[in-house]
PDB file of N, CA and C in Angstrom:
ATOM      1  N   MET A   1      34.484  27.072  40.031  1.00  0.00           N
ATOM      2  CA  MET A   1      34.661  27.987  38.924  1.00  0.00           C
ATOM      3  C   MET A   1      34.097  27.338  37.658  1.00  0.00           C
ATOM      4  N   SER A   2      33.363  28.104  36.901  1.00  0.00           N
ATOM      5  CA  SER A   2      32.720  27.584  35.698  1.00  0.00           C
ATOM      6  C   SER A   2      33.669  27.672  34.505  1.00  0.00           C
ATOM      7  N   SER A   3      33.612  26.655  33.655  1.00  0.00           N
ATOM      8  CA  SER A   3      34.430  26.694  32.451  1.00  0.00           C
ATOM      9  C   SER A   3      33.579  26.993  31.225  1.00  0.00           C
ATOM     10  N   GLU A   4      32.312  27.357  31.463  1.00  0.00           N
ATOM     11  CA  GLU A   4      31.434  27.688  30.347  1.00  0.00           C
ATOM     12  C   GLU A   4      31.852  29.008  29.725  1.00  0.00           C
ATOM     13  N   THR A   5      31.650  29.094  28.423  1.00  0.00           N
ATOM     14  CA  THR A   5      31.956  30.322  27.698  1.00  0.00           C
ATOM     15  C   THR A   5      30.659  31.023  27.347  1.00  0.00           C
ATOM     16  N   ALA A   6      30.637  32.319  27.580  1.00  0.00           N
ATOM     17  CA  ALA A   6      29.465  33.122  27.253  1.00  0.00           C
ATOM     18  C   ALA A   6      29.780  33.980  26.031  1.00  0.00           C
ATOM     19  N   LYS A   7      28.799  34.114  25.167  1.00  0.00           N
ATOM     20  CA  LYS A   7      28.932  35.034  24.039  1.00  0.00           C
ATOM     21  C   LYS A   7      28.311  36.350  24.467  1.00  0.00           C
ATOM     22  N   VAL A   8      29.058  37.426  24.255  1.00  0.00           N
ATOM     23  CA  VAL A   8      28.643  38.739  24.718  1.00  0.00           C
ATOM     24  C   VAL A   8      28.618  39.694  23.535  1.00  0.00           C
ATOM     25  N   SER A   9      27.554  40.455  23.448  1.00  0.00           N
ATOM     26  CA  SER A   9      27.425  41.470  22.412  1.00  0.00           C
ATOM     27  C   SER A   9      27.339  42.830  23.100  1.00  0.00           C
ATOM     28  N   VAL A  10      28.212  43.754  22.691  1.00  0.00           N
ATOM     29  CA  VAL A  10      28.209  45.096  23.259  1.00  0.00           C
ATOM     30  C   VAL A  10      28.210  46.136  22.144  1.00  0.00           C
ATOM     31  N   ARG A  11      27.685  47.320  22.465  1.00  0.00           N
ATOM     32  CA  ARG A  11      27.693  48.430  21.514  1.00  0.00           C
ATOM     33  C   ARG A  11      28.632  49.509  22.030  1.00  0.00           C
ATOM     34  N   ILE A  12      29.537  49.906  21.149  1.00  0.00           N
ATOM     35  CA  ILE A  12      30.451  50.998  21.467  1.00  0.00           C
ATOM     36  C   ILE A  12      30.414  51.964  20.296  1.00  0.00           C
ATOM     37  N   LEU A  13      30.017  53.174  20.577  1.00  0.00           N
ATOM     38  CA  LEU A  13      29.834  54.214  19.556  1.00  0.00           C
ATOM     39  C   LEU A  13      28.998  53.705  18.381  1.00  0.00           C
ATOM     40  N   GLU A  14      27.839  53.177  18.711  1.00  0.00           N
ATOM     41  CA  GLU A  14      26.859  52.687  17.740  1.00  0.00           C
ATOM     42  C   GLU A  14      27.358  51.555  16.856  1.00  0.00           C
ATOM     43  N   LYS A  15      28.403  50.875  17.277  1.00  0.00           N
ATOM     44  CA  LYS A  15      28.897  49.723  16.526  1.00  0.00           C
ATOM     45  C   LYS A  15      28.846  48.501  17.435  1.00  0.00           C
ATOM     46  N   GLU A  16      28.359  47.398  16.870  1.00  0.00           N
ATOM     47  CA  GLU A  16      28.192  46.154  17.622  1.00  0.00           C
ATOM     48  C   GLU A  16      29.483  45.338  17.592  1.00  0.00           C
ATOM     49  N   TYR A  17      29.862  44.813  18.764  1.00  0.00           N
ATOM     50  CA  TYR A  17      31.039  43.956  18.882  1.00  0.00           C
ATOM     51  C   TYR A  17      30.633  42.670  19.587  1.00  0.00           C
ATOM     52  N   GLN A  18      31.167  41.551  19.113  1.00  0.00           N
ATOM     53  CA  GLN A  18      30.885  40.240  19.701  1.00  0.00           C
ATOM     54  C   GLN A  18      32.155  39.723  20.383  1.00  0.00           C
ATOM     55  N   PHE A  19      31.969  39.200  21.596  1.00  0.00           N
ATOM     56  CA  PHE A  19      33.092  38.641  22.343  1.00  0.00           C
ATOM     57  C   PHE A  19      32.684  37.321  22.957  1.00  0.00           C
ATOM     58  N   ALA A  20      33.665  36.518  23.269  1.00  0.00           N
ATOM     59  CA  ALA A  20      33.455  35.308  24.053  1.00  0.00           C
ATOM     60  C   ALA A  20      34.322  35.444  25.295  1.00  0.00           C
ATOM     61  N   CYS A  21      33.750  35.067  26.430  1.00  0.00           N
ATOM     62  CA  CYS A  21      34.500  35.137  27.679  1.00  0.00           C
ATOM     63  C   CYS A  21      33.937  34.106  28.647  1.00  0.00           C
ATOM     64  N   PRO A  22      34.673  33.789  29.701  1.00  0.00           N
ATOM     65  CA  PRO A  22      34.122  32.885  30.710  1.00  0.00           C
ATOM     66  C   PRO A  22      32.819  33.466  31.267  1.00  0.00           C
ATOM     67  N   SER A  23      31.844  32.618  31.500  1.00  0.00           N
ATOM     68  CA  SER A  23      30.526  33.064  31.944  1.00  0.00           C
ATOM     69  C   SER A  23      30.586  33.986  33.153  1.00  0.00           C
ATOM     70  N   GLU A  24      31.450  33.652  34.100  1.00  0.00           N
ATOM     71  CA  GLU A  24      31.505  34.461  35.324  1.00  0.00           C
ATOM     72  C   GLU A  24      32.079  35.856  35.096  1.00  0.00           C
ATOM     73  N   GLU A  25      32.735  36.080  33.957  1.00  0.00           N
ATOM     74  CA  GLU A  25      33.307  37.386  33.651  1.00  0.00           C
ATOM     75  C   GLU A  25      32.385  38.255  32.791  1.00  0.00           C
ATOM     76  N   LYS A  26      31.253  37.719  32.360  1.00  0.00           N
ATOM     77  CA  LYS A  26      30.357  38.452  31.474  1.00  0.00           C
ATOM     78  C   LYS A  26      29.891  39.784  32.074  1.00  0.00           C
ATOM     79  N   PRO A  27      29.433  39.828  33.330  1.00  0.00           N
ATOM     80  CA  PRO A  27      28.997  41.130  33.877  1.00  0.00           C
ATOM     81  C   PRO A  27      30.114  42.169  33.876  1.00  0.00           C
ATOM     82  N   ASP A  28      31.341  41.750  34.176  1.00  0.00           N
ATOM     83  CA  ASP A  28      32.464  42.686  34.176  1.00  0.00           C
ATOM     84  C   ASP A  28      32.764  43.196  32.771  1.00  0.00           C
ATOM     85  N   LEU A  29      32.674  42.309  31.786  1.00  0.00           N
ATOM     86  CA  LEU A  29      32.913  42.707  30.401  1.00  0.00           C
ATOM     87  C   LEU A  29      31.862  43.705  29.941  1.00  0.00           C
ATOM     88  N   VAL A  30      30.611  43.440  30.260  1.00  0.00           N
ATOM     89  CA  VAL A  30      29.530  44.355  29.867  1.00  0.00           C
ATOM     90  C   VAL A  30      29.719  45.709  30.541  1.00  0.00           C
ATOM     91  N   ARG A  31      30.037  45.696  31.834  1.00  0.00           N
ATOM     92  CA  ARG A  31      30.249  46.947  32.567  1.00  0.00           C
ATOM     93  C   ARG A  31      31.437  47.721  31.996  1.00  0.00           C
ATOM     94  N   SER A  32      32.491  47.014  31.657  1.00  0.00           N
ATOM     95  CA  SER A  32      33.671  47.656  31.068  1.00  0.00           C
ATOM     96  C   SER A  32      33.340  48.291  29.724  1.00  0.00           C
ATOM     97  N   ALA A  33      32.577  47.577  28.900  1.00  0.00           N
ATOM     98  CA  ALA A  33      32.178  48.101  27.592  1.00  0.00           C
ATOM     99  C   ALA A  33      31.301  49.336  27.746  1.00  0.00           C
ATOM    100  N   GLU A  34      30.398  49.309  28.712  1.00  0.00           N
ATOM    101  CA  GLU A  34      29.535  50.472  28.955  1.00  0.00           C
ATOM    102  C   GLU A  34      30.365  51.673  29.395  1.00  0.00           C
ATOM    103  N   TYR A  35      31.347  51.427  30.241  1.00  0.00           N
ATOM    104  CA  TYR A  35      32.215  52.502  30.711  1.00  0.00           C
ATOM    105  C   TYR A  35      33.039  53.076  29.558  1.00  0.00           C
ATOM    106  N   LEU A  36      33.615  52.184  28.746  1.00  0.00           N
ATOM    107  CA  LEU A  36      34.387  52.628  27.588  1.00  0.00           C
ATOM    108  C   LEU A  36      33.512  53.416  26.627  1.00  0.00           C
ATOM    109  N   ASN A  37      32.309  52.931  26.370  1.00  0.00           N
ATOM    110  CA  ASN A  37      31.387  53.627  25.479  1.00  0.00           C
ATOM    111  C   ASN A  37      31.102  55.041  25.990  1.00  0.00           C
ATOM    112  N   ALA A  38      30.854  55.164  27.283  1.00  0.00           N
ATOM    113  CA  ALA A  38      30.578  56.483  27.865  1.00  0.00           C
ATOM    114  C   ALA A  38      31.779  57.416  27.709  1.00  0.00           C
ATOM    115  N   ARG A  39      32.977  56.899  27.973  1.00  0.00           N
ATOM    116  CA  ARG A  39      34.182  57.733  27.843  1.00  0.00           C
ATOM    117  C   ARG A  39      34.402  58.152  26.393  1.00  0.00           C
ATOM    118  N   MET A  40      34.188  57.218  25.454  1.00  0.00           N
ATOM    119  CA  MET A  40      34.377  57.547  24.038  1.00  0.00           C
ATOM    120  C   MET A  40      33.334  58.558  23.575  1.00  0.00           C
ATOM    121  N   LYS A  41      32.110  58.458  24.058  1.00  0.00           N
ATOM    122  CA  LYS A  41      31.077  59.430  23.705  1.00  0.00           C
ATOM    123  C   LYS A  41      31.430  60.816  24.228  1.00  0.00           C
ATOM    124  N   GLN A  42      31.991  60.878  25.434  1.00  0.00           N
ATOM    125  CA  GLN A  42      32.418  62.172  25.981  1.00  0.00           C
ATOM    126  C   GLN A  42      33.449  62.821  25.076  1.00  0.00           C
ATOM    127  N   ILE A  43      34.416  62.038  24.636  1.00  0.00           N
ATOM    128  CA  ILE A  43      35.477  62.559  23.771  1.00  0.00           C
ATOM    129  C   ILE A  43      34.890  62.992  22.429  1.00  0.00           C
ATOM    130  N   ARG A  44      34.041  62.143  21.850  1.00  0.00           N
ATOM    131  CA  ARG A  44      33.427  62.469  20.564  1.00  0.00           C
ATOM    132  C   ARG A  44      32.584  63.728  20.678  1.00  0.00           C
ATOM    133  N   ASP A  45      31.761  63.820  21.727  1.00  0.00           N
ATOM    134  CA  ASP A  45      30.845  64.945  21.878  1.00  0.00           C
ATOM    135  C   ASP A  45      31.555  66.257  22.190  1.00  0.00           C
ATOM    136  N   ALA A  46      32.767  66.166  22.743  1.00  0.00           N
ATOM    137  CA  ALA A  46      33.545  67.376  23.006  1.00  0.00           C
ATOM    138  C   ALA A  46      34.004  68.003  21.693  1.00  0.00           C
ATOM    139  N   GLY A  47      34.061  67.192  20.638  1.00  0.00           N
ATOM    140  CA  GLY A  47      34.385  67.702  19.305  1.00  0.00           C
ATOM    141  C   GLY A  47      35.845  67.971  19.053  1.00  0.00           C
ATOM    142  N   ASN A  48      36.718  67.628  19.988  1.00  0.00           N
ATOM    143  CA  ASN A  48      38.144  67.898  19.806  1.00  0.00           C
ATOM    144  C   ASN A  48      38.850  66.821  18.997  1.00  0.00           C
ATOM    145  N   VAL A  49      38.249  65.629  18.940  1.00  0.00           N
ATOM    146  CA  VAL A  49      38.884  64.498  18.261  1.00  0.00           C
ATOM    147  C   VAL A  49      37.896  63.944  17.242  1.00  0.00           C
ATOM    148  N   VAL A  50      38.363  63.736  16.012  1.00  0.00           N
ATOM    149  CA  VAL A  50      37.511  63.234  14.953  1.00  0.00           C
ATOM    150  C   VAL A  50      38.014  61.863  14.503  1.00  0.00           C
ATOM    151  N   GLY A  51      37.100  60.952  14.281  1.00  0.00           N
ATOM    152  CA  GLY A  51      37.454  59.612  13.806  1.00  0.00           C
ATOM    153  C   GLY A  51      37.432  58.613  14.944  1.00  0.00           C
ATOM    154  N   THR A  52      36.783  57.485  14.696  1.00  0.00           N
ATOM    155  CA  THR A  52      36.627  56.464  15.724  1.00  0.00           C
ATOM    156  C   THR A  52      37.962  55.956  16.241  1.00  0.00           C
ATOM    157  N   ASP A  53      38.927  55.759  15.352  1.00  0.00           N
ATOM    158  CA  ASP A  53      40.244  55.272  15.786  1.00  0.00           C
ATOM    159  C   ASP A  53      40.905  56.257  16.741  1.00  0.00           C
ATOM    160  N   ARG A  54      40.857  57.518  16.394  1.00  0.00           N
ATOM    161  CA  ARG A  54      41.479  58.541  17.241  1.00  0.00           C
ATOM    162  C   ARG A  54      40.740  58.663  18.577  1.00  0.00           C
ATOM    163  N   ILE A  55      39.420  58.556  18.540  1.00  0.00           N
ATOM    164  CA  ILE A  55      38.629  58.600  19.770  1.00  0.00           C
ATOM    165  C   ILE A  55      39.003  57.420  20.666  1.00  0.00           C
ATOM    166  N   ALA A  56      39.148  56.238  20.056  1.00  0.00           N
ATOM    167  CA  ALA A  56      39.518  55.046  20.824  1.00  0.00           C
ATOM    168  C   ALA A  56      40.899  55.197  21.452  1.00  0.00           C
ATOM    169  N   VAL A  57      41.842  55.729  20.697  1.00  0.00           N
ATOM    170  CA  VAL A  57      43.191  55.929  21.230  1.00  0.00           C
ATOM    171  C   VAL A  57      43.165  56.954  22.359  1.00  0.00           C
ATOM    172  N   MET A  58      42.420  58.037  22.185  1.00  0.00           N
ATOM    173  CA  MET A  58      42.330  59.056  23.227  1.00  0.00           C
ATOM    174  C   MET A  58      41.684  58.479  24.487  1.00  0.00           C
ATOM    175  N   ALA A  59      40.634  57.686  24.321  1.00  0.00           N
ATOM    176  CA  ALA A  59      39.989  57.051  25.471  1.00  0.00           C
ATOM    177  C   ALA A  59      40.962  56.094  26.164  1.00  0.00           C
ATOM    178  N   ALA A  60      41.713  55.324  25.377  1.00  0.00           N
ATOM    179  CA  ALA A  60      42.686  54.395  25.949  1.00  0.00           C
ATOM    180  C   ALA A  60      43.764  55.147  26.729  1.00  0.00           C
ATOM    181  N   LEU A  61      44.235  56.238  26.193  1.00  0.00           N
ATOM    182  CA  LEU A  61      45.243  57.046  26.892  1.00  0.00           C
ATOM    183  C   LEU A  61      44.678  57.620  28.193  1.00  0.00           C
ATOM    184  N   ASN A  62      43.444  58.111  28.137  1.00  0.00           N
ATOM    185  CA  ASN A  62      42.814  58.646  29.347  1.00  0.00           C
ATOM    186  C   ASN A  62      42.647  57.559  30.410  1.00  0.00           C
ATOM    187  N   LEU A  63      42.206  56.375  29.994  1.00  0.00           N
ATOM    188  CA  LEU A  63      42.014  55.276  30.935  1.00  0.00           C
ATOM    189  C   LEU A  63      43.346  54.795  31.500  1.00  0.00           C
ATOM    190  N   ALA A  64      44.372  54.721  30.661  1.00  0.00           N
ATOM    191  CA  ALA A  64      45.703  54.324  31.132  1.00  0.00           C
ATOM    192  C   ALA A  64      46.236  55.351  32.133  1.00  0.00           C
ATOM    193  N   ASN A  65      46.016  56.622  31.852  1.00  0.00           N
ATOM    194  CA  ASN A  65      46.439  57.685  32.762  1.00  0.00           C
ATOM    195  C   ASN A  65      45.726  57.546  34.106  1.00  0.00           C
ATOM    196  N   ASP A  66      44.420  57.317  34.079  1.00  0.00           N
ATOM    197  CA  ASP A  66      43.656  57.115  35.317  1.00  0.00           C
ATOM    198  C   ASP A  66      44.197  55.920  36.095  1.00  0.00           C
ATOM    199  N   LEU A  67      44.487  54.841  35.395  1.00  0.00           N
ATOM    200  CA  LEU A  67      45.017  53.634  36.031  1.00  0.00           C
ATOM    201  C   LEU A  67      46.359  53.915  36.707  1.00  0.00           C
ATOM    202  N   LEU A  68      47.251  54.597  35.992  1.00  0.00           N
ATOM    203  CA  LEU A  68      48.577  54.888  36.546  1.00  0.00           C
ATOM    204  C   LEU A  68      48.488  55.834  37.741  1.00  0.00           C
ATOM    205  N   LYS A  69      47.606  56.822  37.674  1.00  0.00           N
ATOM    206  CA  LYS A  69      47.411  57.716  38.820  1.00  0.00           C
ATOM    207  C   LYS A  69      46.907  56.930  40.022  1.00  0.00           C
ATOM    208  N   GLY A  70      45.981  56.015  39.787  1.00  0.00           N
ATOM    209  CA  GLY A  70      45.461  55.180  40.873  1.00  0.00           C
ATOM    210  C   GLY A  70      46.550  54.318  41.476  1.00  0.00           C
ATOM    211  N   ARG A  71      47.389  53.747  40.634  1.00  0.00           N
ATOM    212  CA  ARG A  71      48.500  52.930  41.134  1.00  0.00           C
ATOM    213  C   ARG A  71      49.464  53.769  41.958  1.00  0.00           C
ATOM    214  N   ASN A  72      49.753  54.991  41.466  1.00  0.00           N
ATOM    215  CA  ASN A  72      50.663  55.864  42.201  1.00  0.00           C
ATOM    216  C   ASN A  72      50.080  56.224  43.568  1.00  0.00           C
ATOM    217  N   ARG A  73      48.767  56.492  43.613  1.00  0.00           N
ATOM    218  CA  ARG A  73      48.112  56.778  44.897  1.00  0.00           C
ATOM    219  C   ARG A  73      48.211  55.572  45.815  1.00  0.00           C
ATOM    220  N   ASP A  74      47.955  54.379  45.258  1.00  0.00           N
ATOM    221  CA  ASP A  74      48.029  53.152  46.059  1.00  0.00           C
ATOM    222  C   ASP A  74      49.439  52.952  46.612  1.00  0.00           C
ATOM    223  N   GLU A  75      50.450  53.186  45.765  1.00  0.00           N
ATOM    224  CA  GLU A  75      51.835  53.019  46.212  1.00  0.00           C
ATOM    225  C   GLU A  75      52.174  54.030  47.299  1.00  0.00           C
ATOM    226  N   SER A  76      51.686  55.252  47.157  1.00  0.00           N
ATOM    227  CA  SER A  76      51.935  56.291  48.156  1.00  0.00           C
ATOM    228  C   SER A  76      51.290  55.918  49.488  1.00  0.00           C
ATOM    229  N   VAL A  77      50.052  55.465  49.438  1.00  0.00           N
ATOM    230  CA  VAL A  77      49.358  55.048  50.652  1.00  0.00           C
ATOM    231  C   VAL A  77      50.074  53.862  51.280  1.00  0.00           C
ATOM    232  N   GLU A  78      50.497  52.914  50.447  1.00  0.00           N
ATOM    233  CA  GLU A  78      51.210  51.734  50.940  1.00  0.00           C
ATOM    234  C   GLU A  78      52.520  52.130  51.619  1.00  0.00           C
ATOM    235  N   THR A  79      53.235  53.076  51.030  1.00  0.00           N
ATOM    236  CA  THR A  79      54.488  53.544  51.615  1.00  0.00           C
ATOM    237  C   THR A  79      54.234  54.216  52.958  1.00  0.00           C
ATOM    238  N   GLN A  80      53.222  55.086  53.007  1.00  0.00           N
ATOM    239  CA  GLN A  80      52.889  55.768  54.258  1.00  0.00           C
ATOM    240  C   GLN A  80      52.457  54.773  55.324  1.00  0.00           C
ATOM    241  N   LEU A  81      51.660  53.801  54.931  1.00  0.00           N
ATOM    242  CA  LEU A  81      51.201  52.777  55.865  1.00  0.00           C
ATOM    243  C   LEU A  81      52.381  51.957  56.382  1.00  0.00           C
ATOM    244  N   GLY A  82      53.297  51.607  55.484  1.00  0.00           N
ATOM    245  CA  GLY A  82      54.479  50.851  55.880  1.00  0.00           C
ATOM    246  C   GLY A  82      55.325  51.613  56.894  1.00  0.00           C
ATOM    247  N   MET A  83      55.501  52.912  56.656  1.00  0.00           N
ATOM    248  CA  MET A  83      56.280  53.723  57.592  1.00  0.00           C
ATOM    249  C   MET A  83      55.576  53.820  58.946  1.00  0.00           C
ATOM    250  N   ARG A  84      54.265  53.972  58.914  1.00  0.00           N
ATOM    251  CA  ARG A  84      53.488  54.066  60.156  1.00  0.00           C
ATOM    252  C   ARG A  84      53.545  52.750  60.933  1.00  0.00           C
ATOM    253  N   LEU A  85      53.416  51.625  60.222  1.00  0.00           N
ATOM    254  CA  LEU A  85      53.495  50.323  60.875  1.00  0.00           C
ATOM    255  C   LEU A  85      54.877  50.090  61.482  1.00  0.00           C
ATOM    256  N   LYS A  86      55.914  50.499  60.762  1.00  0.00           N
ATOM    257  CA  LYS A  86      57.275  50.351  61.280  1.00  0.00           C
ATOM    258  C   LYS A  86      57.439  51.155  62.566  1.00  0.00           C
ATOM    259  N   SER A  87      56.925  52.375  62.563  1.00  0.00           N
ATOM    260  CA  SER A  87      57.001  53.227  63.750  1.00  0.00           C
ATOM    261  C   SER A  87      56.247  52.605  64.924  1.00  0.00           C
ATOM    262  N   LEU A  88      55.056  52.095  64.661  1.00  0.00           N
ATOM    263  CA  LEU A  88      54.270  51.465  65.725  1.00  0.00           C
ATOM    264  C   LEU A  88      54.963  50.209  66.261  1.00  0.00           C
ATOM    265  N   ARG A  89      55.523  49.400  65.348  1.00  0.00           N
ATOM    266  CA  ARG A  89      56.239  48.192  65.767  1.00  0.00           C
ATOM    267  C   ARG A  89      57.417  48.551  66.664  1.00  0.00           C
ATOM    268  N   GLU A  90      58.162  49.587  66.286  1.00  0.00           N
ATOM    269  CA  GLU A  90      59.305  50.016  67.084  1.00  0.00           C
ATOM    270  C   GLU A  90      58.858  50.490  68.466  1.00  0.00           C
ATOM    271  N   ARG A  91      57.733  51.194  68.526  1.00  0.00           N
ATOM    272  CA  ARG A  91      57.219  51.660  69.816  1.00  0.00           C
ATOM    273  C   ARG A  91      56.788  50.482  70.692  1.00  0.00           C
ATOM    274  N   VAL A  92      56.113  49.501  70.063  1.00  0.00           N
ATOM    275  CA  VAL A  92      55.674  48.324  70.821  1.00  0.00           C
ATOM    276  C   VAL A  92      56.887  47.549  71.322  1.00  0.00           C
ATOM    277  N   GLU A  93      57.892  47.333  70.462  1.00  0.00           N
ATOM    278  CA  GLU A  93      59.095  46.614  70.872  1.00  0.00           C
ATOM    279  C   GLU A  93      59.819  47.341  71.996  1.00  0.00           C
ATOM    280  N   SER A  94      59.867  48.647  71.888  1.00  0.00           N
ATOM    281  CA  SER A  94      60.510  49.446  72.935  1.00  0.00           C
ATOM    282  C   SER A  94      59.756  49.312  74.253  1.00  0.00           C
ATOM    283  N   ALA A  95      58.430  49.377  74.184  1.00  0.00           N
ATOM    284  CA  ALA A  95      57.618  49.225  75.391  1.00  0.00           C
ATOM    285  C   ALA A  95      57.791  47.854  75.999  1.00  0.00           C
ATOM    286  N   LEU A  96      57.855  46.824  75.155  1.00  0.00           N
ATOM    287  CA  LEU A  96      58.054  45.466  75.664  1.00  0.00           C
ATOM    288  C   LEU A  96      59.425  45.323  76.327  1.00  0.00           C
ATOM    289  N   GLU A  97      60.444  45.912  75.730  1.00  0.00           N
ATOM    290  CA  GLU A  97      61.787  45.862  76.313  1.00  0.00           C
ATOM    291  C   GLU A  97      61.791  46.546  77.657  1.00  0.00           C
ATOM    292  N   ASP A  98      61.138  47.705  77.757  1.00  0.00           N
ATOM    293  CA  ASP A  98      61.054  48.427  79.021  1.00  0.00           C
ATOM    294  C   ASP A  98      60.356  47.576  80.065  1.00  0.00           C
ATOM    295  N   GLY A  99      59.322  46.850  79.665  1.00  0.00           N
ATOM    296  CA  GLY A  99      58.591  45.979  80.571  1.00  0.00           C
ATOM    297  C   GLY A  99      59.440  44.815  81.053  1.00  0.00           C
ATOM    298  N   LYS A 100      60.248  44.242  80.181  1.00  0.00           N
ATOM    299  CA  LYS A 100      61.143  43.152  80.554  1.00  0.00           C
ATOM    300  C   LYS A 100      62.191  43.612  81.539  1.00  0.00           C
ATOM    301  N   GLN A 101      62.699  44.819  81.333  1.00  0.00           N
ATOM    302  CA  GLN A 101      63.723  45.343  82.218  1.00  0.00           C
ATOM    303  C   GLN A 101      63.156  45.570  83.610  1.00  0.00           C
ATOM    304  N   LEU A 102      61.886  45.962  83.709  1.00  0.00           N
ATOM    305  CA  LEU A 102      61.258  46.159  85.011  1.00  0.00           C
ATOM    306  C   LEU A 102      61.090  44.863  85.753  1.00  0.00           C
ATOM    307  N   GLU A 103      60.842  43.749  85.026  1.00  0.00           N
ATOM    308  CA  GLU A 103      60.624  42.455  85.663  1.00  0.00           C
ATOM    309  C   GLU A 103      61.889  41.923  86.315  1.00  0.00           C
ATOM    310  N   LEU A 104      63.042  42.318  85.812  1.00  0.00           N
ATOM    311  CA  LEU A 104      64.303  41.803  86.380  1.00  0.00           C
ATOM    312  C   LEU A 104      64.518  42.426  87.695  1.00  0.00           C
TER     313      LEU A 104
END
């Protein structure tokens, strides 16, 4: 793992921002900034929200909502998978018990 620090410059809504981050995280930071910029432009261009601060807050709320929905989906899938695995384990254990009883 590299301990070098990279200086990163990104544009969000035509404004330049400078950041420092570990070198290996630079591509992720740039990609994140590009994604945020695109989301903020969508909000601005829709014309429903005026002012950079309000656009940023609206974008943050939208992204947080997307994140929470994704987590809820993941938890739902995990719960379903857990129930399915439990059912399969019980079936395998039952089959093994039946097999042991036949051997006696």
